[in-house]
N, C-alpha and C. Protein backbone atom coordinates (compact mmCIF):
# COMPACT_ATOMS: atom_id res chain seq x y z
N UNK A 1 -38.09 -7.34 -78.00
CA UNK A 1 -39.44 -7.50 -77.50
C UNK A 1 -39.86 -8.97 -77.56
N UNK A 2 -39.58 -9.63 -78.70
CA UNK A 2 -39.93 -11.04 -78.86
C UNK A 2 -39.18 -11.89 -77.84
N UNK A 3 -37.93 -11.51 -77.54
CA UNK A 3 -37.12 -12.23 -76.55
C UNK A 3 -37.78 -12.17 -75.17
N UNK A 4 -38.30 -11.01 -74.79
CA UNK A 4 -38.97 -10.84 -73.49
C UNK A 4 -40.24 -11.69 -73.44
N UNK A 5 -40.99 -11.74 -74.55
CA UNK A 5 -42.22 -12.53 -74.57
C UNK A 5 -41.91 -14.02 -74.44
N UNK A 6 -40.83 -14.48 -75.08
CA UNK A 6 -40.44 -15.89 -74.94
C UNK A 6 -40.02 -16.19 -73.51
N UNK A 7 -39.28 -15.27 -72.92
CA UNK A 7 -38.86 -15.43 -71.53
C UNK A 7 -40.07 -15.48 -70.61
N UNK A 8 -41.02 -14.59 -70.81
CA UNK A 8 -42.23 -14.56 -70.01
C UNK A 8 -43.04 -15.84 -70.18
N UNK A 9 -43.16 -16.33 -71.41
CA UNK A 9 -43.88 -17.58 -71.67
C UNK A 9 -43.20 -18.74 -70.96
N UNK A 10 -41.87 -18.77 -70.96
CA UNK A 10 -41.13 -19.82 -70.26
C UNK A 10 -41.38 -19.79 -68.76
N UNK A 11 -41.39 -18.61 -68.19
CA UNK A 11 -41.65 -18.46 -66.75
C UNK A 11 -43.06 -18.95 -66.42
N UNK A 12 -44.04 -18.58 -67.24
CA UNK A 12 -45.43 -18.99 -66.99
C UNK A 12 -45.54 -20.51 -67.08
N UNK A 13 -44.93 -21.12 -68.11
CA UNK A 13 -45.01 -22.57 -68.26
C UNK A 13 -44.33 -23.29 -67.11
N UNK A 14 -43.16 -22.83 -66.71
CA UNK A 14 -42.45 -23.51 -65.63
C UNK A 14 -43.17 -23.34 -64.31
N UNK A 15 -43.77 -22.18 -64.07
CA UNK A 15 -44.49 -22.00 -62.81
C UNK A 15 -45.77 -22.82 -62.80
N UNK A 16 -46.41 -23.01 -63.95
CA UNK A 16 -47.60 -23.85 -64.03
C UNK A 16 -47.22 -25.29 -63.76
N UNK A 17 -46.14 -25.76 -64.35
CA UNK A 17 -45.72 -27.14 -64.12
C UNK A 17 -45.36 -27.35 -62.66
N UNK A 18 -44.64 -26.40 -62.07
CA UNK A 18 -44.27 -26.52 -60.66
C UNK A 18 -45.50 -26.51 -59.78
N UNK A 19 -46.48 -25.71 -60.13
CA UNK A 19 -47.69 -25.64 -59.32
C UNK A 19 -48.49 -26.93 -59.36
N UNK A 20 -48.46 -27.63 -60.50
CA UNK A 20 -49.22 -28.86 -60.60
C UNK A 20 -48.51 -30.03 -59.96
N UNK A 21 -47.24 -29.89 -59.63
CA UNK A 21 -46.53 -30.97 -58.98
C UNK A 21 -46.94 -31.12 -57.52
N UNK A 22 -47.64 -30.16 -57.01
CA UNK A 22 -48.13 -30.26 -55.64
C UNK A 22 -47.60 -29.15 -54.79
N UNK A 23 -48.38 -28.79 -53.81
CA UNK A 23 -47.92 -27.83 -52.83
C UNK A 23 -47.52 -28.62 -51.60
N UNK A 24 -47.13 -27.92 -50.54
CA UNK A 24 -46.74 -28.62 -49.33
C UNK A 24 -47.85 -29.56 -48.93
N UNK A 25 -47.62 -30.80 -49.20
CA UNK A 25 -48.53 -31.86 -48.78
C UNK A 25 -49.97 -31.56 -49.11
N UNK A 26 -50.22 -30.85 -50.18
CA UNK A 26 -51.59 -30.53 -50.54
C UNK A 26 -52.14 -29.34 -49.79
N UNK A 27 -51.34 -28.75 -48.96
CA UNK A 27 -51.78 -27.59 -48.19
C UNK A 27 -51.14 -26.37 -48.82
N UNK A 28 -51.92 -25.38 -49.17
CA UNK A 28 -51.37 -24.16 -49.72
C UNK A 28 -50.45 -23.51 -48.71
N UNK A 29 -49.50 -22.76 -49.20
CA UNK A 29 -48.53 -22.10 -48.32
C UNK A 29 -49.22 -21.20 -47.29
N UNK A 30 -50.29 -20.53 -47.68
CA UNK A 30 -51.02 -19.67 -46.74
C UNK A 30 -51.60 -20.50 -45.60
N UNK A 31 -52.22 -21.64 -45.93
CA UNK A 31 -52.76 -22.51 -44.89
C UNK A 31 -51.64 -23.03 -44.00
N UNK A 32 -50.52 -23.37 -44.61
CA UNK A 32 -49.37 -23.86 -43.86
C UNK A 32 -48.90 -22.81 -42.86
N UNK A 33 -48.78 -21.57 -43.32
CA UNK A 33 -48.38 -20.48 -42.41
C UNK A 33 -49.39 -20.31 -41.30
N UNK A 34 -50.68 -20.42 -41.63
CA UNK A 34 -51.72 -20.28 -40.62
C UNK A 34 -51.63 -21.38 -39.57
N UNK A 35 -51.33 -22.59 -40.00
CA UNK A 35 -51.18 -23.71 -39.05
C UNK A 35 -50.02 -23.44 -38.11
N UNK A 36 -48.88 -23.01 -38.65
CA UNK A 36 -47.73 -22.70 -37.79
C UNK A 36 -48.04 -21.52 -36.87
N UNK A 37 -48.73 -20.53 -37.38
CA UNK A 37 -49.10 -19.38 -36.57
C UNK A 37 -50.01 -19.82 -35.41
N UNK A 38 -50.99 -20.64 -35.71
CA UNK A 38 -51.90 -21.12 -34.66
C UNK A 38 -51.14 -21.94 -33.61
N UNK A 39 -50.24 -22.77 -34.05
CA UNK A 39 -49.45 -23.55 -33.09
C UNK A 39 -48.61 -22.63 -32.20
N UNK A 40 -48.05 -21.58 -32.78
CA UNK A 40 -47.28 -20.62 -31.97
C UNK A 40 -48.20 -19.90 -30.98
N UNK A 41 -49.40 -19.52 -31.44
CA UNK A 41 -50.33 -18.82 -30.56
C UNK A 41 -50.83 -19.71 -29.43
N UNK A 42 -50.83 -21.01 -29.65
CA UNK A 42 -51.32 -21.93 -28.63
C UNK A 42 -50.34 -22.07 -27.46
N UNK A 43 -49.13 -21.59 -27.64
CA UNK A 43 -48.11 -21.71 -26.59
C UNK A 43 -48.63 -21.07 -25.31
N UNK A 44 -48.61 -21.82 -24.22
CA UNK A 44 -49.11 -21.33 -22.94
C UNK A 44 -48.02 -21.25 -21.88
N UNK A 45 -46.94 -21.95 -22.13
CA UNK A 45 -45.87 -22.04 -21.13
C UNK A 45 -44.55 -21.99 -21.89
N UNK A 46 -43.56 -21.47 -21.25
CA UNK A 46 -42.25 -21.36 -21.88
C UNK A 46 -41.68 -22.75 -22.15
N UNK A 47 -41.16 -22.91 -23.35
CA UNK A 47 -40.51 -24.18 -23.68
C UNK A 47 -39.31 -24.42 -22.78
N UNK A 48 -38.66 -23.35 -22.37
CA UNK A 48 -37.51 -23.47 -21.47
C UNK A 48 -37.90 -24.09 -20.14
N UNK A 49 -39.10 -23.78 -19.67
CA UNK A 49 -39.57 -24.32 -18.39
C UNK A 49 -39.84 -25.82 -18.48
N UNK A 50 -39.93 -26.33 -19.68
CA UNK A 50 -40.28 -27.74 -19.89
C UNK A 50 -39.12 -28.59 -20.39
N UNK A 51 -37.91 -28.07 -20.31
CA UNK A 51 -36.75 -28.80 -20.83
C UNK A 51 -36.62 -30.19 -20.20
N UNK A 52 -36.93 -30.30 -18.92
CA UNK A 52 -36.81 -31.59 -18.24
C UNK A 52 -37.82 -32.62 -18.76
N UNK A 53 -38.87 -32.15 -19.41
CA UNK A 53 -39.91 -33.04 -19.92
C UNK A 53 -39.69 -33.46 -21.37
N UNK A 54 -38.67 -32.90 -22.01
CA UNK A 54 -38.43 -33.24 -23.41
C UNK A 54 -38.15 -34.73 -23.57
N UNK A 55 -38.48 -35.23 -24.73
CA UNK A 55 -38.19 -36.62 -25.07
C UNK A 55 -38.03 -36.73 -26.58
N UNK A 56 -37.41 -37.80 -27.01
CA UNK A 56 -37.27 -38.05 -28.44
C UNK A 56 -38.37 -39.03 -28.85
N UNK A 57 -39.33 -38.55 -29.61
CA UNK A 57 -40.42 -39.40 -30.07
C UNK A 57 -40.02 -40.23 -31.28
N UNK A 58 -38.80 -40.05 -31.74
CA UNK A 58 -38.23 -40.81 -32.85
C UNK A 58 -39.04 -40.64 -34.13
N UNK A 59 -39.16 -39.37 -34.54
CA UNK A 59 -39.82 -39.09 -35.81
C UNK A 59 -39.12 -39.91 -36.89
N UNK A 60 -39.87 -40.70 -37.65
CA UNK A 60 -39.25 -41.68 -38.56
C UNK A 60 -38.33 -41.10 -39.63
N UNK A 61 -38.55 -39.87 -40.04
CA UNK A 61 -37.77 -39.33 -41.16
C UNK A 61 -36.84 -38.22 -40.73
N UNK A 62 -36.57 -38.11 -39.44
CA UNK A 62 -35.71 -37.05 -38.95
C UNK A 62 -34.27 -37.55 -38.89
N UNK A 63 -33.37 -36.64 -39.17
CA UNK A 63 -31.95 -36.93 -38.98
C UNK A 63 -31.39 -37.97 -39.92
N UNK A 64 -31.88 -37.99 -41.15
CA UNK A 64 -31.31 -38.89 -42.14
C UNK A 64 -31.70 -40.35 -41.96
N UNK A 65 -32.74 -40.64 -41.21
CA UNK A 65 -33.18 -42.01 -41.01
C UNK A 65 -34.00 -42.53 -42.19
N UNK A 66 -34.14 -41.72 -43.22
CA UNK A 66 -34.97 -42.08 -44.36
C UNK A 66 -34.19 -42.99 -45.30
N UNK A 67 -34.79 -44.10 -45.68
CA UNK A 67 -34.16 -44.97 -46.66
C UNK A 67 -34.44 -44.43 -48.05
N UNK A 68 -33.70 -44.92 -49.03
CA UNK A 68 -33.90 -44.47 -50.40
C UNK A 68 -35.31 -44.83 -50.88
N UNK A 69 -35.82 -45.99 -50.47
CA UNK A 69 -37.17 -46.40 -50.86
C UNK A 69 -38.20 -45.45 -50.27
N UNK A 70 -38.06 -45.13 -48.98
CA UNK A 70 -39.01 -44.22 -48.34
C UNK A 70 -38.96 -42.86 -49.00
N UNK A 71 -37.76 -42.39 -49.33
CA UNK A 71 -37.62 -41.10 -49.99
C UNK A 71 -38.30 -41.12 -51.34
N UNK A 72 -38.17 -42.22 -52.06
CA UNK A 72 -38.76 -42.29 -53.40
C UNK A 72 -40.29 -42.35 -53.33
N UNK A 73 -40.83 -42.66 -52.19
CA UNK A 73 -42.29 -42.73 -52.05
C UNK A 73 -42.89 -41.34 -51.94
N UNK A 74 -42.04 -40.33 -51.86
CA UNK A 74 -42.54 -38.96 -51.85
C UNK A 74 -43.30 -38.65 -50.58
N UNK A 75 -44.53 -38.24 -50.73
CA UNK A 75 -45.29 -37.70 -49.60
C UNK A 75 -46.51 -38.55 -49.25
N UNK A 76 -46.47 -39.84 -49.55
CA UNK A 76 -47.66 -40.66 -49.31
C UNK A 76 -48.01 -40.75 -47.83
N UNK A 77 -47.05 -40.50 -46.95
CA UNK A 77 -47.35 -40.57 -45.52
C UNK A 77 -47.98 -39.29 -44.98
N UNK A 78 -48.02 -38.23 -45.76
CA UNK A 78 -48.55 -36.96 -45.26
C UNK A 78 -50.02 -37.02 -44.83
N UNK A 79 -50.90 -37.67 -45.59
CA UNK A 79 -52.29 -37.76 -45.08
C UNK A 79 -52.36 -38.51 -43.75
N UNK A 80 -51.54 -39.54 -43.62
CA UNK A 80 -51.51 -40.30 -42.37
C UNK A 80 -51.05 -39.43 -41.21
N UNK A 81 -50.03 -38.62 -41.47
CA UNK A 81 -49.50 -37.73 -40.43
C UNK A 81 -50.56 -36.71 -40.02
N UNK A 82 -51.19 -36.09 -41.00
CA UNK A 82 -52.21 -35.09 -40.67
C UNK A 82 -53.36 -35.71 -39.90
N UNK A 83 -53.81 -36.90 -40.30
CA UNK A 83 -54.91 -37.55 -39.59
C UNK A 83 -54.50 -37.83 -38.14
N UNK A 84 -53.29 -38.27 -37.94
CA UNK A 84 -52.82 -38.56 -36.57
C UNK A 84 -52.69 -37.28 -35.74
N UNK A 85 -52.25 -36.19 -36.36
CA UNK A 85 -52.18 -34.91 -35.65
C UNK A 85 -53.58 -34.46 -35.26
N UNK A 86 -54.53 -34.61 -36.17
CA UNK A 86 -55.92 -34.27 -35.86
C UNK A 86 -56.42 -35.11 -34.69
N UNK A 87 -56.15 -36.42 -34.75
CA UNK A 87 -56.58 -37.31 -33.66
C UNK A 87 -55.96 -36.90 -32.33
N UNK A 88 -54.72 -36.49 -32.37
CA UNK A 88 -54.01 -36.08 -31.15
C UNK A 88 -54.64 -34.85 -30.52
N UNK A 89 -54.97 -33.86 -31.34
CA UNK A 89 -55.48 -32.60 -30.81
C UNK A 89 -57.01 -32.58 -30.67
N UNK A 90 -57.68 -33.59 -31.16
CA UNK A 90 -59.14 -33.63 -31.09
C UNK A 90 -59.58 -34.58 -29.97
N UNK A 91 -59.10 -34.31 -28.76
CA UNK A 91 -59.44 -35.13 -27.60
C UNK A 91 -59.89 -34.24 -26.45
N UNK A 92 -60.53 -34.84 -25.48
CA UNK A 92 -60.93 -34.08 -24.29
C UNK A 92 -59.72 -33.52 -23.56
N UNK A 93 -58.66 -34.33 -23.47
CA UNK A 93 -57.45 -33.87 -22.78
C UNK A 93 -56.83 -32.67 -23.50
N UNK A 94 -56.88 -32.68 -24.80
CA UNK A 94 -56.36 -31.55 -25.57
C UNK A 94 -57.23 -30.32 -25.35
N UNK A 95 -58.53 -30.52 -25.33
CA UNK A 95 -59.47 -29.40 -25.08
C UNK A 95 -59.21 -28.76 -23.72
N UNK A 96 -58.83 -29.58 -22.76
CA UNK A 96 -58.56 -29.06 -21.42
C UNK A 96 -57.25 -28.26 -21.39
N UNK A 97 -56.36 -28.56 -22.32
CA UNK A 97 -55.04 -27.93 -22.31
C UNK A 97 -54.96 -26.65 -23.13
N UNK A 98 -55.78 -26.52 -24.17
CA UNK A 98 -55.62 -25.43 -25.11
C UNK A 98 -56.84 -24.53 -25.17
N UNK A 99 -56.64 -23.32 -25.66
CA UNK A 99 -57.71 -22.37 -25.92
C UNK A 99 -58.62 -22.97 -26.99
N UNK A 100 -59.92 -23.07 -26.69
CA UNK A 100 -60.87 -23.72 -27.61
C UNK A 100 -60.91 -23.06 -28.98
N UNK A 101 -60.89 -21.74 -29.02
CA UNK A 101 -60.97 -21.05 -30.30
C UNK A 101 -59.76 -21.37 -31.17
N UNK A 102 -58.56 -21.29 -30.60
CA UNK A 102 -57.35 -21.61 -31.36
C UNK A 102 -57.33 -23.08 -31.77
N UNK A 103 -57.74 -23.94 -30.86
CA UNK A 103 -57.76 -25.37 -31.16
C UNK A 103 -58.73 -25.68 -32.30
N UNK A 104 -59.92 -25.08 -32.25
CA UNK A 104 -60.89 -25.29 -33.33
C UNK A 104 -60.36 -24.79 -34.67
N UNK A 105 -59.68 -23.64 -34.65
CA UNK A 105 -59.11 -23.10 -35.89
C UNK A 105 -58.02 -24.03 -36.42
N UNK A 106 -57.17 -24.52 -35.52
CA UNK A 106 -56.11 -25.44 -35.92
C UNK A 106 -56.70 -26.71 -36.53
N UNK A 107 -57.68 -27.30 -35.85
CA UNK A 107 -58.30 -28.52 -36.36
C UNK A 107 -58.98 -28.28 -37.71
N UNK A 108 -59.60 -27.14 -37.86
CA UNK A 108 -60.25 -26.80 -39.13
C UNK A 108 -59.23 -26.74 -40.26
N UNK A 109 -58.09 -26.08 -40.03
CA UNK A 109 -57.05 -25.96 -41.06
C UNK A 109 -56.47 -27.34 -41.39
N UNK A 110 -56.25 -28.14 -40.33
CA UNK A 110 -55.70 -29.47 -40.55
C UNK A 110 -56.68 -30.35 -41.34
N UNK A 111 -57.97 -30.28 -41.00
CA UNK A 111 -58.99 -31.04 -41.73
C UNK A 111 -59.02 -30.61 -43.20
N UNK A 112 -58.96 -29.32 -43.44
CA UNK A 112 -58.97 -28.82 -44.82
C UNK A 112 -57.77 -29.35 -45.59
N UNK A 113 -56.60 -29.31 -44.96
CA UNK A 113 -55.39 -29.84 -45.60
C UNK A 113 -55.51 -31.34 -45.87
N UNK A 114 -56.09 -32.07 -44.93
CA UNK A 114 -56.27 -33.51 -45.11
C UNK A 114 -57.22 -33.80 -46.27
N UNK A 115 -58.30 -33.05 -46.36
CA UNK A 115 -59.24 -33.24 -47.47
C UNK A 115 -58.55 -33.01 -48.81
N UNK A 116 -57.72 -31.97 -48.88
CA UNK A 116 -57.00 -31.68 -50.12
C UNK A 116 -56.03 -32.82 -50.45
N UNK A 117 -55.36 -33.34 -49.44
CA UNK A 117 -54.42 -34.43 -49.67
C UNK A 117 -55.14 -35.69 -50.16
N UNK A 118 -56.27 -35.99 -49.55
CA UNK A 118 -57.01 -37.19 -49.93
C UNK A 118 -57.49 -37.11 -51.37
N UNK A 119 -57.75 -35.91 -51.86
CA UNK A 119 -58.16 -35.74 -53.25
C UNK A 119 -56.99 -36.02 -54.20
N UNK A 120 -55.77 -35.78 -53.73
CA UNK A 120 -54.59 -35.93 -54.57
C UNK A 120 -53.90 -37.28 -54.35
N UNK A 121 -54.35 -38.05 -53.41
CA UNK A 121 -53.65 -39.24 -52.94
C UNK A 121 -53.47 -40.29 -54.04
N UNK A 122 -52.29 -40.85 -54.07
CA UNK A 122 -51.97 -41.97 -54.96
C UNK A 122 -52.04 -43.24 -54.13
N UNK A 123 -52.51 -44.31 -54.74
CA UNK A 123 -52.43 -45.60 -54.06
C UNK A 123 -51.00 -46.09 -54.22
N UNK A 124 -50.38 -46.42 -53.12
CA UNK A 124 -48.99 -46.81 -53.15
C UNK A 124 -48.81 -47.91 -52.11
N UNK A 125 -48.28 -49.03 -52.52
CA UNK A 125 -48.13 -50.16 -51.60
C UNK A 125 -47.21 -49.82 -50.43
N UNK A 126 -46.21 -49.00 -50.67
CA UNK A 126 -45.28 -48.63 -49.60
C UNK A 126 -45.98 -47.81 -48.53
N UNK A 127 -47.08 -47.16 -48.88
CA UNK A 127 -47.78 -46.33 -47.90
C UNK A 127 -48.35 -47.16 -46.76
N UNK A 128 -48.70 -48.42 -47.02
CA UNK A 128 -49.20 -49.27 -45.95
C UNK A 128 -48.13 -49.46 -44.88
N UNK A 129 -46.90 -49.73 -45.31
CA UNK A 129 -45.79 -49.86 -44.36
C UNK A 129 -45.55 -48.55 -43.63
N UNK A 130 -45.52 -47.47 -44.38
CA UNK A 130 -45.29 -46.17 -43.76
C UNK A 130 -46.41 -45.83 -42.78
N UNK A 131 -47.62 -46.30 -43.06
CA UNK A 131 -48.74 -46.08 -42.15
C UNK A 131 -48.48 -46.69 -40.78
N UNK A 132 -47.90 -47.88 -40.75
CA UNK A 132 -47.61 -48.50 -39.46
C UNK A 132 -46.50 -47.74 -38.73
N UNK A 133 -45.54 -47.22 -39.48
CA UNK A 133 -44.46 -46.42 -38.88
C UNK A 133 -45.04 -45.14 -38.26
N UNK A 134 -45.93 -44.48 -39.00
CA UNK A 134 -46.57 -43.25 -38.51
C UNK A 134 -47.40 -43.54 -37.26
N UNK A 135 -48.18 -44.61 -37.29
CA UNK A 135 -49.01 -44.95 -36.12
C UNK A 135 -48.16 -45.21 -34.89
N UNK A 136 -47.04 -45.91 -35.05
CA UNK A 136 -46.15 -46.18 -33.92
C UNK A 136 -45.58 -44.88 -33.35
N UNK A 137 -45.22 -43.97 -34.23
CA UNK A 137 -44.71 -42.66 -33.80
C UNK A 137 -45.75 -41.95 -32.93
N UNK A 138 -47.00 -41.93 -33.38
CA UNK A 138 -48.04 -41.24 -32.62
C UNK A 138 -48.45 -42.02 -31.37
N UNK A 139 -48.29 -43.33 -31.37
CA UNK A 139 -48.54 -44.10 -30.15
C UNK A 139 -47.54 -43.69 -29.07
N UNK A 140 -46.29 -43.46 -29.48
CA UNK A 140 -45.28 -43.00 -28.52
C UNK A 140 -45.69 -41.65 -27.93
N UNK A 141 -46.23 -40.76 -28.75
CA UNK A 141 -46.67 -39.45 -28.26
C UNK A 141 -47.84 -39.61 -27.29
N UNK A 142 -48.80 -40.44 -27.64
CA UNK A 142 -49.96 -40.66 -26.75
C UNK A 142 -49.53 -41.28 -25.42
N UNK A 143 -48.61 -42.26 -25.48
CA UNK A 143 -48.11 -42.87 -24.23
C UNK A 143 -47.38 -41.84 -23.37
N UNK A 144 -46.61 -40.98 -24.01
CA UNK A 144 -45.89 -39.92 -23.30
C UNK A 144 -46.87 -39.00 -22.58
N UNK A 145 -47.90 -38.55 -23.28
CA UNK A 145 -48.89 -37.66 -22.66
C UNK A 145 -49.56 -38.33 -21.46
N UNK A 146 -49.91 -39.59 -21.64
CA UNK A 146 -50.57 -40.32 -20.55
C UNK A 146 -49.62 -40.47 -19.35
N UNK A 147 -48.36 -40.83 -19.63
CA UNK A 147 -47.36 -40.98 -18.57
C UNK A 147 -47.16 -39.66 -17.81
N UNK A 148 -47.19 -38.55 -18.53
CA UNK A 148 -47.01 -37.23 -17.92
C UNK A 148 -48.33 -36.65 -17.42
N UNK A 149 -49.37 -37.46 -17.46
CA UNK A 149 -50.70 -37.07 -16.98
C UNK A 149 -51.21 -35.79 -17.64
N UNK A 150 -50.91 -35.67 -18.92
CA UNK A 150 -51.41 -34.56 -19.75
C UNK A 150 -51.09 -33.19 -19.13
N UNK A 151 -49.91 -33.09 -18.55
CA UNK A 151 -49.49 -31.85 -17.91
C UNK A 151 -49.28 -30.75 -18.94
N UNK A 152 -49.21 -29.52 -18.45
CA UNK A 152 -48.96 -28.38 -19.34
C UNK A 152 -47.65 -28.53 -20.08
N UNK A 153 -46.62 -28.97 -19.37
CA UNK A 153 -45.32 -29.14 -20.02
C UNK A 153 -45.36 -30.27 -21.04
N UNK A 154 -46.08 -31.33 -20.75
CA UNK A 154 -46.18 -32.43 -21.72
C UNK A 154 -46.85 -31.94 -23.00
N UNK A 155 -47.91 -31.15 -22.85
CA UNK A 155 -48.58 -30.62 -24.04
C UNK A 155 -47.68 -29.63 -24.78
N UNK A 156 -46.87 -28.87 -24.05
CA UNK A 156 -45.94 -27.94 -24.71
C UNK A 156 -44.91 -28.71 -25.52
N UNK A 157 -44.40 -29.81 -24.96
CA UNK A 157 -43.45 -30.65 -25.68
C UNK A 157 -44.10 -31.21 -26.95
N UNK A 158 -45.34 -31.63 -26.85
CA UNK A 158 -46.07 -32.18 -28.00
C UNK A 158 -46.37 -31.09 -29.03
N UNK A 159 -46.69 -29.89 -28.56
CA UNK A 159 -46.94 -28.77 -29.48
C UNK A 159 -45.69 -28.49 -30.31
N UNK A 160 -44.54 -28.44 -29.65
CA UNK A 160 -43.28 -28.19 -30.35
C UNK A 160 -42.96 -29.36 -31.29
N UNK A 161 -43.19 -30.58 -30.84
CA UNK A 161 -42.95 -31.75 -31.69
C UNK A 161 -43.83 -31.70 -32.94
N UNK A 162 -45.05 -31.22 -32.79
CA UNK A 162 -45.96 -31.10 -33.93
C UNK A 162 -45.42 -30.08 -34.93
N UNK A 163 -44.88 -28.98 -34.44
CA UNK A 163 -44.27 -28.00 -35.34
C UNK A 163 -43.09 -28.62 -36.08
N UNK A 164 -42.27 -29.38 -35.37
CA UNK A 164 -41.13 -30.03 -36.01
C UNK A 164 -41.62 -31.04 -37.06
N UNK A 165 -42.62 -31.81 -36.69
CA UNK A 165 -43.19 -32.81 -37.59
C UNK A 165 -43.70 -32.16 -38.88
N UNK A 166 -44.47 -31.10 -38.74
CA UNK A 166 -45.01 -30.40 -39.92
C UNK A 166 -43.90 -29.78 -40.75
N UNK A 167 -42.89 -29.27 -40.09
CA UNK A 167 -41.75 -28.68 -40.79
C UNK A 167 -41.00 -29.74 -41.59
N UNK A 168 -40.79 -30.91 -40.99
CA UNK A 168 -40.10 -32.00 -41.70
C UNK A 168 -40.95 -32.53 -42.85
N UNK A 169 -42.27 -32.53 -42.68
CA UNK A 169 -43.15 -32.91 -43.78
C UNK A 169 -43.00 -31.93 -44.93
N UNK A 170 -42.92 -30.65 -44.60
CA UNK A 170 -42.76 -29.62 -45.63
C UNK A 170 -41.45 -29.83 -46.37
N UNK A 171 -40.38 -30.13 -45.62
CA UNK A 171 -39.09 -30.36 -46.26
C UNK A 171 -39.13 -31.57 -47.19
N UNK A 172 -39.78 -32.65 -46.75
CA UNK A 172 -39.84 -33.84 -47.60
C UNK A 172 -40.68 -33.58 -48.84
N UNK A 173 -41.73 -32.76 -48.70
CA UNK A 173 -42.56 -32.40 -49.84
C UNK A 173 -41.75 -31.59 -50.84
N UNK A 174 -40.96 -30.66 -50.34
CA UNK A 174 -40.12 -29.83 -51.20
C UNK A 174 -39.10 -30.69 -51.94
N UNK A 175 -38.48 -31.64 -51.23
CA UNK A 175 -37.51 -32.53 -51.88
C UNK A 175 -38.18 -33.40 -52.93
N UNK A 176 -39.38 -33.87 -52.62
CA UNK A 176 -40.13 -34.70 -53.57
C UNK A 176 -40.46 -33.89 -54.83
N UNK A 177 -40.87 -32.64 -54.65
CA UNK A 177 -41.18 -31.78 -55.79
C UNK A 177 -39.93 -31.53 -56.63
N UNK A 178 -38.80 -31.32 -55.96
CA UNK A 178 -37.55 -31.08 -56.69
C UNK A 178 -37.16 -32.29 -57.52
N UNK A 179 -37.35 -33.51 -56.97
CA UNK A 179 -37.05 -34.73 -57.72
C UNK A 179 -37.96 -34.85 -58.94
N UNK A 180 -39.25 -34.51 -58.75
CA UNK A 180 -40.19 -34.59 -59.87
C UNK A 180 -39.82 -33.58 -60.96
N UNK A 181 -39.44 -32.38 -60.55
CA UNK A 181 -39.04 -31.36 -61.53
C UNK A 181 -37.80 -31.82 -62.30
N UNK A 182 -36.87 -32.46 -61.61
CA UNK A 182 -35.63 -32.90 -62.24
C UNK A 182 -35.91 -33.96 -63.31
N UNK A 183 -37.01 -34.72 -63.14
CA UNK A 183 -37.32 -35.77 -64.09
C UNK A 183 -38.22 -35.29 -65.22
N UNK A 184 -38.65 -34.02 -65.20
CA UNK A 184 -39.49 -33.49 -66.28
C UNK A 184 -38.72 -33.18 -67.52
């Protein structure tokens, strides 16, 4: 019986420590699922129909392009990414492309996640550099939309890119948490 109580106490302590290390970029898993669900619901056109419109926006941390320094910075770029995603979807052109109710729900979830991140944010000098990298990435997306005249396929490509971006953020957050746990 005492052995079970010690085991239970260990599980509680380890889960508490893991929980305080952060959730996905400050967004609870439920909110994260809701964001992905909303993005899926926003789909208006088949991704297959838009294959000719695909482009590589050169997400900075995709495909092993992350340096050891950037990796060690953890998730400091996540608030920047969320703010840029909000800016991208909070435009007149976006309103014309998407269902207003779904778009408002998406923006609300993203704003909530951003607020949570800003409460947890660390000041980090490397974040200034990463901020310029993030802004350049989103400038490429904005230029792409403008070049494609905000077409349905262009917005579909951006919607899918946003899902990939959020997924990669989640992966980097998980890796950052694992590194922190390893050092405890």
